[in-house]
């Protein structure tokens, strides 16, 4: 009997924990945040998220949608070509359209 009551209690805790996990939201997420920095020009409306830009003497790398890309490489899944990497933005080209995605470098001050 003792083991059966522990099993039932454990089952209730697990079910309630699973329901609580679904309702959890990120408390640090800004109001109105939609998940990306821009959208692709075209019908697909896929999100472009420029995470970081790394510039050294011999190479420039941009991290876009989790992909490490250099100039003239193609963003997989979207098909946009990285035309230029600057310190604060990346210029992309797709289907003859060119647009710039800025790096959000908001500083937090105390």
PDB file of N, CA and C in Angstrom:
ATOM      1  N   UNK A   1       0.820  -1.198   0.000  1.00  0.00           N
ATOM      2  CA  UNK A   1       0.000   0.000   0.000  1.00  0.00           C
ATOM      3  C   UNK A   1       0.864   1.262   0.000  1.00  0.00           C
ATOM      4  N   UNK A   2       1.915   1.215   0.785  1.00  0.00           N
ATOM      5  CA  UNK A   2       2.802   2.369   0.878  1.00  0.00           C
ATOM      6  C   UNK A   2       3.429   2.692  -0.476  1.00  0.00           C
ATOM      7  N   UNK A   3       3.858   1.698  -1.225  1.00  0.00           N
ATOM      8  CA  UNK A   3       4.480   1.904  -2.528  1.00  0.00           C
ATOM      9  C   UNK A   3       3.470   2.413  -3.545  1.00  0.00           C
ATOM     10  N   UNK A   4       2.242   1.957  -3.484  1.00  0.00           N
ATOM     11  CA  UNK A   4       1.213   2.411  -4.402  1.00  0.00           C
ATOM     12  C   UNK A   4       0.905   3.887  -4.193  1.00  0.00           C
ATOM     13  N   UNK A   5       0.881   4.335  -2.958  1.00  0.00           N
ATOM     14  CA  UNK A   5       0.616   5.760  -2.697  1.00  0.00           C
ATOM     15  C   UNK A   5       1.761   6.630  -3.196  1.00  0.00           C
ATOM     16  N   UNK A   6       3.009   6.147  -3.056  1.00  0.00           N
ATOM     17  CA  UNK A   6       4.151   6.891  -3.578  1.00  0.00           C
ATOM     18  C   UNK A   6       4.098   6.969  -5.099  1.00  0.00           C
ATOM     19  N   UNK A   7       3.712   5.879  -5.729  1.00  0.00           N
ATOM     20  CA  UNK A   7       3.593   5.853  -7.179  1.00  0.00           C
ATOM     21  C   UNK A   7       2.548   6.846  -7.660  1.00  0.00           C
ATOM     22  N   UNK A   8       1.392   6.887  -6.989  1.00  0.00           N
ATOM     23  CA  UNK A   8       0.330   7.827  -7.364  1.00  0.00           C
ATOM     24  C   UNK A   8       0.779   9.274  -7.174  1.00  0.00           C
ATOM     25  N   UNK A   9       1.467   9.543  -6.083  1.00  0.00           N
ATOM     26  CA  UNK A   9       1.968  10.889  -5.812  1.00  0.00           C
ATOM     27  C   UNK A   9       2.991  11.303  -6.885  1.00  0.00           C
ATOM     28  N   UNK A  10       3.876  10.379  -7.237  1.00  0.00           N
ATOM     29  CA  UNK A  10       4.875  10.665  -8.262  1.00  0.00           C
ATOM     30  C   UNK A  10       4.206  10.932  -9.613  1.00  0.00           C
ATOM     31  N   UNK A  11       3.190  10.169  -9.932  1.00  0.00           N
ATOM     32  CA  UNK A  11       2.462  10.358 -11.176  1.00  0.00           C
ATOM     33  C   UNK A  11       1.802  11.732 -11.234  1.00  0.00           C
ATOM     34  N   UNK A  12       1.195  12.161 -10.143  1.00  0.00           N
ATOM     35  CA  UNK A  12       0.557  13.483 -10.080  1.00  0.00           C
ATOM     36  C   UNK A  12       1.591  14.583 -10.248  1.00  0.00           C
ATOM     37  N   UNK A  13       2.738  14.445  -9.605  1.00  0.00           N
ATOM     38  CA  UNK A  13       3.792  15.453  -9.706  1.00  0.00           C
ATOM     39  C   UNK A  13       4.315  15.539 -11.140  1.00  0.00           C
ATOM     40  N   UNK A  14       4.521  14.403 -11.785  1.00  0.00           N
ATOM     41  CA  UNK A  14       5.022  14.410 -13.162  1.00  0.00           C
ATOM     42  C   UNK A  14       4.030  15.035 -14.132  1.00  0.00           C
ATOM     43  N   UNK A  15       2.748  14.732 -13.984  1.00  0.00           N
ATOM     44  CA  UNK A  15       1.727  15.301 -14.869  1.00  0.00           C
ATOM     45  C   UNK A  15       1.643  16.808 -14.672  1.00  0.00           C
ATOM     46  N   UNK A  16       1.631  17.257 -13.418  1.00  0.00           N
ATOM     47  CA  UNK A  16       1.581  18.697 -13.145  1.00  0.00           C
ATOM     48  C   UNK A  16       2.838  19.397 -13.633  1.00  0.00           C
ATOM     49  N   UNK A  17       3.989  18.751 -13.517  1.00  0.00           N
ATOM     50  CA  UNK A  17       5.247  19.329 -13.998  1.00  0.00           C
ATOM     51  C   UNK A  17       5.249  19.480 -15.503  1.00  0.00           C
ATOM     52  N   UNK A  18       4.703  18.505 -16.209  1.00  0.00           N
ATOM     53  CA  UNK A  18       4.637  18.581 -17.670  1.00  0.00           C
ATOM     54  C   UNK A  18       3.717  19.706 -18.113  1.00  0.00           C
ATOM     55  N   UNK A  19       2.606  19.898 -17.424  1.00  0.00           N
ATOM     56  CA  UNK A  19       1.692  20.983 -17.764  1.00  0.00           C
ATOM     57  C   UNK A  19       2.319  22.328 -17.454  1.00  0.00           C
ATOM     58  N   UNK A  20       3.078  22.427 -16.378  1.00  0.00           N
ATOM     59  CA  UNK A  20       3.729  23.684 -16.005  1.00  0.00           C
ATOM     60  C   UNK A  20       4.804  24.053 -17.019  1.00  0.00           C
ATOM     61  N   UNK A  21       5.512  23.060 -17.579  1.00  0.00           N
ATOM     62  CA  UNK A  21       6.543  23.334 -18.563  1.00  0.00           C
ATOM     63  C   UNK A  21       5.973  24.002 -19.807  1.00  0.00           C
ATOM     64  N   UNK A  22       4.780  23.653 -20.223  1.00  0.00           N
ATOM     65  CA  UNK A  22       4.168  24.226 -21.414  1.00  0.00           C
ATOM     66  C   UNK A  22       3.817  25.696 -21.220  1.00  0.00           C
ATOM     67  N   UNK A  23       3.520  26.108 -20.002  1.00  0.00           N
ATOM     68  CA  UNK A  23       3.069  27.462 -19.736  1.00  0.00           C
ATOM     69  C   UNK A  23       4.225  28.424 -19.446  1.00  0.00           C
ATOM     70  N   UNK A  24       5.455  27.941 -19.349  1.00  0.00           N
ATOM     71  CA  UNK A  24       6.591  28.776 -18.988  1.00  0.00           C
ATOM     72  C   UNK A  24       7.006  29.628 -20.181  1.00  0.00           C
ATOM     73  N   UNK A  25       7.188  30.928 -19.949  1.00  0.00           N
ATOM     74  CA  UNK A  25       7.695  31.827 -20.978  1.00  0.00           C
ATOM     75  C   UNK A  25       8.979  32.468 -20.479  1.00  0.00           C
ATOM     76  N   UNK A  26       9.778  32.956 -21.389  1.00  0.00           N
ATOM     77  CA  UNK A  26      11.042  33.585 -21.046  1.00  0.00           C
ATOM     78  C   UNK A  26      10.780  34.970 -20.452  1.00  0.00           C
ATOM     79  N   UNK A  27      11.103  35.195 -19.176  1.00  0.00           N
ATOM     80  CA  UNK A  27      10.828  36.499 -18.564  1.00  0.00           C
ATOM     81  C   UNK A  27      11.734  37.614 -19.076  1.00  0.00           C
ATOM     82  N   UNK A  28      12.826  37.269 -19.758  1.00  0.00           N
ATOM     83  CA  UNK A  28      13.739  38.292 -20.277  1.00  0.00           C
ATOM     84  C   UNK A  28      13.427  38.689 -21.714  1.00  0.00           C
ATOM     85  N   UNK A  29      12.442  38.030 -22.328  1.00  0.00           N
ATOM     86  CA  UNK A  29      12.087  38.317 -23.723  1.00  0.00           C
ATOM     87  C   UNK A  29      11.446  39.705 -23.813  1.00  0.00           C
ATOM     88  N   UNK A  30      11.928  40.569 -24.714  1.00  0.00           N
ATOM     89  CA  UNK A  30      11.341  41.904 -24.864  1.00  0.00           C
ATOM     90  C   UNK A  30       9.887  41.835 -25.322  1.00  0.00           C
ATOM     91  N   UNK A  31       9.092  42.830 -24.932  1.00  0.00           N
ATOM     92  CA  UNK A  31       7.703  42.877 -25.367  1.00  0.00           C
ATOM     93  C   UNK A  31       7.635  43.002 -26.874  1.00  0.00           C
ATOM     94  N   UNK A  32       6.776  42.249 -27.510  1.00  0.00           N
ATOM     95  CA  UNK A  32       6.601  42.313 -28.951  1.00  0.00           C
ATOM     96  C   UNK A  32       7.656  41.576 -29.747  1.00  0.00           C
ATOM     97  N   UNK A  33       8.544  40.837 -29.082  1.00  0.00           N
ATOM     98  CA  UNK A  33       9.599  40.102 -29.791  1.00  0.00           C
ATOM     99  C   UNK A  33       8.992  38.988 -30.614  1.00  0.00           C
ATOM    100  N   UNK A  34       9.339  38.925 -31.902  1.00  0.00           N
ATOM    101  CA  UNK A  34       8.769  37.905 -32.775  1.00  0.00           C
ATOM    102  C   UNK A  34       9.761  36.811 -33.115  1.00  0.00           C
ATOM    103  N   UNK A  35      11.000  36.910 -32.683  1.00  0.00           N
ATOM    104  CA  UNK A  35      11.950  35.825 -32.898  1.00  0.00           C
ATOM    105  C   UNK A  35      13.022  36.087 -33.938  1.00  0.00           C
ATOM    106  N   UNK A  36      13.015  37.193 -34.637  1.00  0.00           N
ATOM    107  CA  UNK A  36      14.032  37.413 -35.655  1.00  0.00           C
ATOM    108  C   UNK A  36      14.292  38.871 -35.909  1.00  0.00           C
ATOM    109  N   UNK A  37      15.353  39.137 -36.655  1.00  0.00           N
ATOM    110  CA  UNK A  37      15.748  40.504 -36.925  1.00  0.00           C
ATOM    111  C   UNK A  37      15.171  41.051 -38.219  1.00  0.00           C
ATOM    112  N   UNK A  38      14.706  40.193 -39.094  1.00  0.00           N
ATOM    113  CA  UNK A  38      14.178  40.652 -40.365  1.00  0.00           C
ATOM    114  C   UNK A  38      13.552  39.505 -41.114  1.00  0.00           C
ATOM    115  N   UNK A  39      12.990  39.820 -42.262  1.00  0.00           N
ATOM    116  CA  UNK A  39      12.386  38.768 -43.079  1.00  0.00           C
ATOM    117  C   UNK A  39      12.960  38.815 -44.471  1.00  0.00           C
ATOM    118  N   UNK A  40      12.901  37.700 -45.147  1.00  0.00           N
ATOM    119  CA  UNK A  40      13.407  37.606 -46.511  1.00  0.00           C
ATOM    120  C   UNK A  40      12.485  38.361 -47.449  1.00  0.00           C
ATOM    121  N   UNK A  41      13.070  39.091 -48.379  1.00  0.00           N
ATOM    122  CA  UNK A  41      12.258  39.766 -49.384  1.00  0.00           C
ATOM    123  C   UNK A  41      11.771  38.720 -50.370  1.00  0.00           C
ATOM    124  N   UNK A  42      10.481  38.521 -50.430  1.00  0.00           N
ATOM    125  CA  UNK A  42       9.929  37.502 -51.310  1.00  0.00           C
ATOM    126  C   UNK A  42       8.722  36.855 -50.671  1.00  0.00           C
ATOM    127  N   UNK A  43       8.255  35.767 -51.268  1.00  0.00           N
ATOM    128  CA  UNK A  43       7.046  35.121 -50.805  1.00  0.00           C
ATOM    129  C   UNK A  43       7.227  34.228 -49.605  1.00  0.00           C
ATOM    130  N   UNK A  44       8.429  33.760 -49.323  1.00  0.00           N
ATOM    131  CA  UNK A  44       8.626  32.771 -48.272  1.00  0.00           C
ATOM    132  C   UNK A  44       8.463  33.355 -46.875  1.00  0.00           C
ATOM    133  N   UNK A  45       8.792  34.607 -46.677  1.00  0.00           N
ATOM    134  CA  UNK A  45       8.706  35.281 -45.379  1.00  0.00           C
ATOM    135  C   UNK A  45       9.418  34.499 -44.270  1.00  0.00           C
ATOM    136  N   UNK A  46      10.595  33.993 -44.563  1.00  0.00           N
ATOM    137  CA  UNK A  46      11.389  33.296 -43.567  1.00  0.00           C
ATOM    138  C   UNK A  46      12.157  34.319 -42.747  1.00  0.00           C
ATOM    139  N   UNK A  47      12.464  33.984 -41.529  1.00  0.00           N
ATOM    140  CA  UNK A  47      13.132  34.907 -40.627  1.00  0.00           C
ATOM    141  C   UNK A  47      14.642  34.837 -40.798  1.00  0.00           C
ATOM    142  N   UNK A  48      15.271  36.001 -40.810  1.00  0.00           N
ATOM    143  CA  UNK A  48      16.726  36.122 -40.848  1.00  0.00           C
ATOM    144  C   UNK A  48      17.157  36.646 -39.482  1.00  0.00           C
ATOM    145  N   UNK A  49      18.023  35.897 -38.801  1.00  0.00           N
ATOM    146  CA  UNK A  49      18.504  36.350 -37.496  1.00  0.00           C
ATOM    147  C   UNK A  49      20.024  36.427 -37.537  1.00  0.00           C
ATOM    148  N   UNK A  50      20.536  37.659 -37.538  1.00  0.00           N
ATOM    149  CA  UNK A  50      21.973  37.905 -37.516  1.00  0.00           C
ATOM    150  C   UNK A  50      22.412  37.937 -36.053  1.00  0.00           C
ATOM    151  N   UNK A  51      23.158  36.919 -35.648  1.00  0.00           N
ATOM    152  CA  UNK A  51      23.545  36.772 -34.246  1.00  0.00           C
ATOM    153  C   UNK A  51      24.841  37.501 -33.925  1.00  0.00           C
ATOM    154  N   UNK A  52      25.853  37.335 -34.787  1.00  0.00           N
ATOM    155  CA  UNK A  52      27.128  38.008 -34.534  1.00  0.00           C
ATOM    156  C   UNK A  52      27.936  38.158 -35.812  1.00  0.00           C
ATOM    157  N   UNK A  53      28.906  39.055 -35.742  1.00  0.00           N
ATOM    158  CA  UNK A  53      29.822  39.313 -36.847  1.00  0.00           C
ATOM    159  C   UNK A  53      31.235  39.260 -36.288  1.00  0.00           C
ATOM    160  N   UNK A  54      32.091  38.496 -36.942  1.00  0.00           N
ATOM    161  CA  UNK A  54      33.483  38.361 -36.520  1.00  0.00           C
ATOM    162  C   UNK A  54      34.369  38.831 -37.660  1.00  0.00           C
ATOM    163  N   UNK A  55      35.212  39.837 -37.385  1.00  0.00           N
ATOM    164  CA  UNK A  55      36.075  40.386 -38.424  1.00  0.00           C
ATOM    165  C   UNK A  55      37.515  40.310 -37.951  1.00  0.00           C
ATOM    166  N   UNK A  56      38.359  39.677 -38.768  1.00  0.00           N
ATOM    167  CA  UNK A  56      39.799  39.596 -38.518  1.00  0.00           C
ATOM    168  C   UNK A  56      40.515  40.127 -39.758  1.00  0.00           C
ATOM    169  N   UNK A  57      41.843  40.188 -39.698  1.00  0.00           N
ATOM    170  CA  UNK A  57      42.602  40.699 -40.838  1.00  0.00           C
ATOM    171  C   UNK A  57      42.411  39.840 -42.083  1.00  0.00           C
ATOM    172  N   UNK A  58      42.320  38.520 -41.909  1.00  0.00           N
ATOM    173  CA  UNK A  58      42.273  37.623 -43.054  1.00  0.00           C
ATOM    174  C   UNK A  58      40.888  37.079 -43.395  1.00  0.00           C
ATOM    175  N   UNK A  59      39.865  37.380 -42.588  1.00  0.00           N
ATOM    176  CA  UNK A  59      38.523  36.881 -42.918  1.00  0.00           C
ATOM    177  C   UNK A  59      37.420  37.633 -42.179  1.00  0.00           C
ATOM    178  N   UNK A  60      36.227  37.544 -42.755  1.00  0.00           N
ATOM    179  CA  UNK A  60      35.018  38.101 -42.160  1.00  0.00           C
ATOM    180  C   UNK A  60      33.992  36.976 -42.097  1.00  0.00           C
ATOM    181  N   UNK A  61      33.353  36.804 -40.948  1.00  0.00           N
ATOM    182  CA  UNK A  61      32.370  35.744 -40.760  1.00  0.00           C
ATOM    183  C   UNK A  61      31.132  36.335 -40.103  1.00  0.00           C
ATOM    184  N   UNK A  62      29.963  35.949 -40.608  1.00  0.00           N
ATOM    185  CA  UNK A  62      28.695  36.355 -40.008  1.00  0.00           C
ATOM    186  C   UNK A  62      27.953  35.090 -39.579  1.00  0.00           C
ATOM    187  N   UNK A  63      27.346  35.125 -38.407  1.00  0.00           N
ATOM    188  CA  UNK A  63      26.536  34.013 -37.928  1.00  0.00           C
ATOM    189  C   UNK A  63      25.078  34.405 -38.174  1.00  0.00           C
ATOM    190  N   UNK A  64      24.455  33.724 -39.147  1.00  0.00           N
ATOM    191  CA  UNK A  64      23.071  34.014 -39.525  1.00  0.00           C
ATOM    192  C   UNK A  64      22.277  32.719 -39.407  1.00  0.00           C
ATOM    193  N   UNK A  65      21.207  32.765 -38.633  1.00  0.00           N
ATOM    194  CA  UNK A  65      20.349  31.590 -38.408  1.00  0.00           C
ATOM    195  C   UNK A  65      21.179  30.378 -37.977  1.00  0.00           C
ATOM    196  N   UNK A  66      22.208  30.619 -37.170  1.00  0.00           N
ATOM    197  CA  UNK A  66      23.044  29.539 -36.662  1.00  0.00           C
ATOM    198  C   UNK A  66      24.092  29.042 -37.639  1.00  0.00           C
ATOM    199  N   UNK A  67      24.171  29.630 -38.829  1.00  0.00           N
ATOM    200  CA  UNK A  67      25.140  29.219 -39.844  1.00  0.00           C
ATOM    201  C   UNK A  67      26.304  30.201 -39.885  1.00  0.00           C
ATOM    202  N   UNK A  68      27.506  29.678 -39.951  1.00  0.00           N
ATOM    203  CA  UNK A  68      28.711  30.490 -40.075  1.00  0.00           C
ATOM    204  C   UNK A  68      28.975  30.716 -41.561  1.00  0.00           C
ATOM    205  N   UNK A  69      28.894  31.984 -41.996  1.00  0.00           N
ATOM    206  CA  UNK A  69      28.989  32.301 -43.425  1.00  0.00           C
ATOM    207  C   UNK A  69      30.025  33.383 -43.696  1.00  0.00           C
ATOM    208  N   UNK A  70      30.691  33.236 -44.842  1.00  0.00           N
ATOM    209  CA  UNK A  70      31.605  34.267 -45.346  1.00  0.00           C
ATOM    210  C   UNK A  70      30.952  34.943 -46.542  1.00  0.00           C
ATOM    211  N   UNK A  71      31.586  35.987 -47.043  1.00  0.00           N
ATOM    212  CA  UNK A  71      31.059  36.680 -48.215  1.00  0.00           C
ATOM    213  C   UNK A  71      30.991  35.721 -49.402  1.00  0.00           C
ATOM    214  N   UNK A  72      29.937  35.843 -50.195  1.00  0.00           N
ATOM    215  CA  UNK A  72      29.655  35.039 -51.385  1.00  0.00           C
ATOM    216  C   UNK A  72      29.205  33.613 -51.076  1.00  0.00           C
ATOM    217  N   UNK A  73      28.907  33.301 -49.821  1.00  0.00           N
ATOM    218  CA  UNK A  73      28.328  32.007 -49.482  1.00  0.00           C
ATOM    219  C   UNK A  73      26.810  32.150 -49.385  1.00  0.00           C
ATOM    220  N   UNK A  74      26.108  31.024 -49.549  1.00  0.00           N
ATOM    221  CA  UNK A  74      24.648  31.029 -49.573  1.00  0.00           C
ATOM    222  C   UNK A  74      24.076  30.553 -48.244  1.00  0.00           C
ATOM    223  N   UNK A  75      23.072  31.266 -47.772  1.00  0.00           N
ATOM    224  CA  UNK A  75      22.366  30.923 -46.550  1.00  0.00           C
ATOM    225  C   UNK A  75      21.433  29.755 -46.839  1.00  0.00           C
ATOM    226  N   UNK A  76      21.743  28.596 -46.273  1.00  0.00           N
ATOM    227  CA  UNK A  76      20.955  27.387 -46.535  1.00  0.00           C
ATOM    228  C   UNK A  76      19.544  27.533 -45.988  1.00  0.00           C
ATOM    229  N   UNK A  77      18.588  26.992 -46.713  1.00  0.00           N
ATOM    230  CA  UNK A  77      17.195  27.048 -46.310  1.00  0.00           C
ATOM    231  C   UNK A  77      16.474  28.283 -46.811  1.00  0.00           C
ATOM    232  N   UNK A  78      17.238  29.321 -47.135  1.00  0.00           N
ATOM    233  CA  UNK A  78      16.637  30.565 -47.613  1.00  0.00           C
ATOM    234  C   UNK A  78      17.128  30.885 -49.025  1.00  0.00           C
ATOM    235  N   UNK A  79      18.392  30.597 -49.292  1.00  0.00           N
ATOM    236  CA  UNK A  79      18.936  30.822 -50.626  1.00  0.00           C
ATOM    237  C   UNK A  79      19.501  32.205 -50.861  1.00  0.00           C
ATOM    238  N   UNK A  80      19.603  33.012 -49.820  1.00  0.00           N
ATOM    239  CA  UNK A  80      20.174  34.357 -49.960  1.00  0.00           C
ATOM    240  C   UNK A  80      21.699  34.260 -49.937  1.00  0.00           C
ATOM    241  N   UNK A  81      22.343  35.096 -50.737  1.00  0.00           N
ATOM    242  CA  UNK A  81      23.804  35.127 -50.819  1.00  0.00           C
ATOM    243  C   UNK A  81      24.323  36.278 -49.967  1.00  0.00           C
ATOM    244  N   UNK A  82      25.361  36.012 -49.182  1.00  0.00           N
ATOM    245  CA  UNK A  82      26.006  37.047 -48.370  1.00  0.00           C
ATOM    246  C   UNK A  82      26.915  37.844 -49.307  1.00  0.00           C
ATOM    247  N   UNK A  83      26.537  39.081 -49.608  1.00  0.00           N
ATOM    248  CA  UNK A  83      27.314  39.910 -50.526  1.00  0.00           C
ATOM    249  C   UNK A  83      28.421  40.681 -49.819  1.00  0.00           C
ATOM    250  N   UNK A  84      28.120  41.200 -48.602  1.00  0.00           N
ATOM    251  CA  UNK A  84      29.118  42.011 -47.895  1.00  0.00           C
ATOM    252  C   UNK A  84      28.899  41.889 -46.398  1.00  0.00           C
ATOM    253  N   UNK A  85      29.993  41.794 -45.658  1.00  0.00           N
ATOM    254  CA  UNK A  85      29.940  41.751 -44.196  1.00  0.00           C
ATOM    255  C   UNK A  85      30.645  42.986 -43.666  1.00  0.00           C
ATOM    256  N   UNK A  86      29.902  43.839 -42.976  1.00  0.00           N
ATOM    257  CA  UNK A  86      30.456  45.016 -42.317  1.00  0.00           C
ATOM    258  C   UNK A  86      30.465  44.766 -40.810  1.00  0.00           C
ATOM    259  N   UNK A  87      31.030  45.679 -40.053  1.00  0.00           N
ATOM    260  CA  UNK A  87      31.124  45.516 -38.602  1.00  0.00           C
ATOM    261  C   UNK A  87      29.764  45.535 -37.916  1.00  0.00           C
ATOM    262  N   UNK A  88      28.777  46.202 -38.516  1.00  0.00           N
ATOM    263  CA  UNK A  88      27.476  46.350 -37.856  1.00  0.00           C
ATOM    264  C   UNK A  88      26.304  45.779 -38.649  1.00  0.00           C
ATOM    265  N   UNK A  89      26.566  45.222 -39.847  1.00  0.00           N
ATOM    266  CA  UNK A  89      25.470  44.714 -40.676  1.00  0.00           C
ATOM    267  C   UNK A  89      26.004  43.788 -41.762  1.00  0.00           C
ATOM    268  N   UNK A  90      25.075  43.038 -42.356  1.00  0.00           N
ATOM    269  CA  UNK A  90      25.390  42.139 -43.463  1.00  0.00           C
ATOM    270  C   UNK A  90      24.461  42.472 -44.626  1.00  0.00           C
ATOM    271  N   UNK A  91      25.024  42.536 -45.830  1.00  0.00           N
ATOM    272  CA  UNK A  91      24.224  42.768 -47.031  1.00  0.00           C
ATOM    273  C   UNK A  91      23.956  41.420 -47.695  1.00  0.00           C
ATOM    274  N   UNK A  92      22.674  41.141 -47.942  1.00  0.00           N
ATOM    275  CA  UNK A  92      22.245  39.888 -48.561  1.00  0.00           C
ATOM    276  C   UNK A  92      21.610  40.158 -49.917  1.00  0.00           C
ATOM    277  N   UNK A  93      21.648  39.145 -50.794  1.00  0.00           N
ATOM    278  CA  UNK A  93      21.016  39.261 -52.109  1.00  0.00           C
ATOM    279  C   UNK A  93      20.266  37.969 -52.409  1.00  0.00           C
ATOM    280  N   UNK A  94      19.036  38.135 -52.910  1.00  0.00           N
ATOM    281  CA  UNK A  94      18.230  36.985 -53.308  1.00  0.00           C
ATOM    282  C   UNK A  94      17.293  37.406 -54.434  1.00  0.00           C
ATOM    283  N   UNK A  95      17.304  36.655 -55.521  1.00  0.00           N
ATOM    284  CA  UNK A  95      16.426  36.916 -56.666  1.00  0.00           C
ATOM    285  C   UNK A  95      16.504  38.359 -57.159  1.00  0.00           C
ATOM    286  N   UNK A  96      17.702  38.907 -57.230  1.00  0.00           N
ATOM    287  CA  UNK A  96      17.888  40.264 -57.720  1.00  0.00           C
ATOM    288  C   UNK A  96      17.615  41.358 -56.701  1.00  0.00           C
ATOM    289  N   UNK A  97      17.104  41.006 -55.532  1.00  0.00           N
ATOM    290  CA  UNK A  97      16.846  42.006 -54.493  1.00  0.00           C
ATOM    291  C   UNK A  97      17.990  42.003 -53.484  1.00  0.00           C
ATOM    292  N   UNK A  98      18.396  43.199 -53.075  1.00  0.00           N
ATOM    293  CA  UNK A  98      19.488  43.360 -52.122  1.00  0.00           C
ATOM    294  C   UNK A  98      18.948  44.060 -50.886  1.00  0.00           C
ATOM    295  N   UNK A  99      19.279  43.552 -49.717  1.00  0.00           N
ATOM    296  CA  UNK A  99      18.881  44.209 -48.483  1.00  0.00           C
ATOM    297  C   UNK A  99      19.939  44.011 -47.425  1.00  0.00           C
ATOM    298  N   UNK A 100      19.844  44.826 -46.392  1.00  0.00           N
ATOM    299  CA  UNK A 100      20.845  44.863 -45.329  1.00  0.00           C
ATOM    300  C   UNK A 100      20.191  44.447 -44.019  1.00  0.00           C
ATOM    301  N   UNK A 101      20.845  43.541 -43.294  1.00  0.00           N
ATOM    302  CA  UNK A 101      20.371  43.103 -41.979  1.00  0.00           C
ATOM    303  C   UNK A 101      21.346  43.635 -40.942  1.00  0.00           C
ATOM    304  N   UNK A 102      20.838  44.474 -40.048  1.00  0.00           N
ATOM    305  CA  UNK A 102      21.689  45.104 -39.040  1.00  0.00           C
ATOM    306  C   UNK A 102      21.859  44.190 -37.835  1.00  0.00           C
ATOM    307  N   UNK A 103      23.025  44.285 -37.213  1.00  0.00           N
ATOM    308  CA  UNK A 103      23.313  43.568 -35.981  1.00  0.00           C
ATOM    309  C   UNK A 103      22.779  44.386 -34.820  1.00  0.00           C
ATOM    310  N   UNK A 104      21.941  43.775 -34.015  1.00  0.00           N
ATOM    311  CA  UNK A 104      21.388  44.477 -32.862  1.00  0.00           C
ATOM    312  C   UNK A 104      22.421  44.446 -31.751  1.00  0.00           C
ATOM    313  N   UNK A 105      23.054  45.575 -31.513  1.00  0.00           N
ATOM    314  CA  UNK A 105      24.109  45.630 -30.497  1.00  0.00           C
ATOM    315  C   UNK A 105      23.725  46.588 -29.374  1.00  0.00           C
ATOM    316  N   UNK A 106      22.502  46.447 -28.895  1.00  0.00           N
ATOM    317  CA  UNK A 106      22.012  47.304 -27.829  1.00  0.00           C
ATOM    318  C   UNK A 106      22.842  47.085 -26.560  1.00  0.00           C
ATOM    319  N   UNK A 107      23.324  48.141 -26.003  1.00  0.00           N
ATOM    320  CA  UNK A 107      24.096  48.042 -24.767  1.00  0.00           C
ATOM    321  C   UNK A 107      23.167  48.216 -23.573  1.00  0.00           C
ATOM    322  N   UNK A 108      23.415  47.419 -22.549  1.00  0.00           N
ATOM    323  CA  UNK A 108      22.638  47.518 -21.323  1.00  0.00           C
ATOM    324  C   UNK A 108      23.487  48.247 -20.292  1.00  0.00           C
ATOM    325  N   UNK A 109      22.944  49.319 -19.742  1.00  0.00           N
ATOM    326  CA  UNK A 109      23.679  50.114 -18.760  1.00  0.00           C
ATOM    327  C   UNK A 109      23.021  50.025 -17.404  1.00  0.00           C
ATOM    328  N   UNK A 110      23.845  50.064 -16.397  1.00  0.00           N
ATOM    329  CA  UNK A 110      23.314  50.043 -15.015  1.00  0.00           C
ATOM    330  C   UNK A 110      23.286  51.439 -14.454  1.00  0.00           C
TER     331      UNK A 110
END
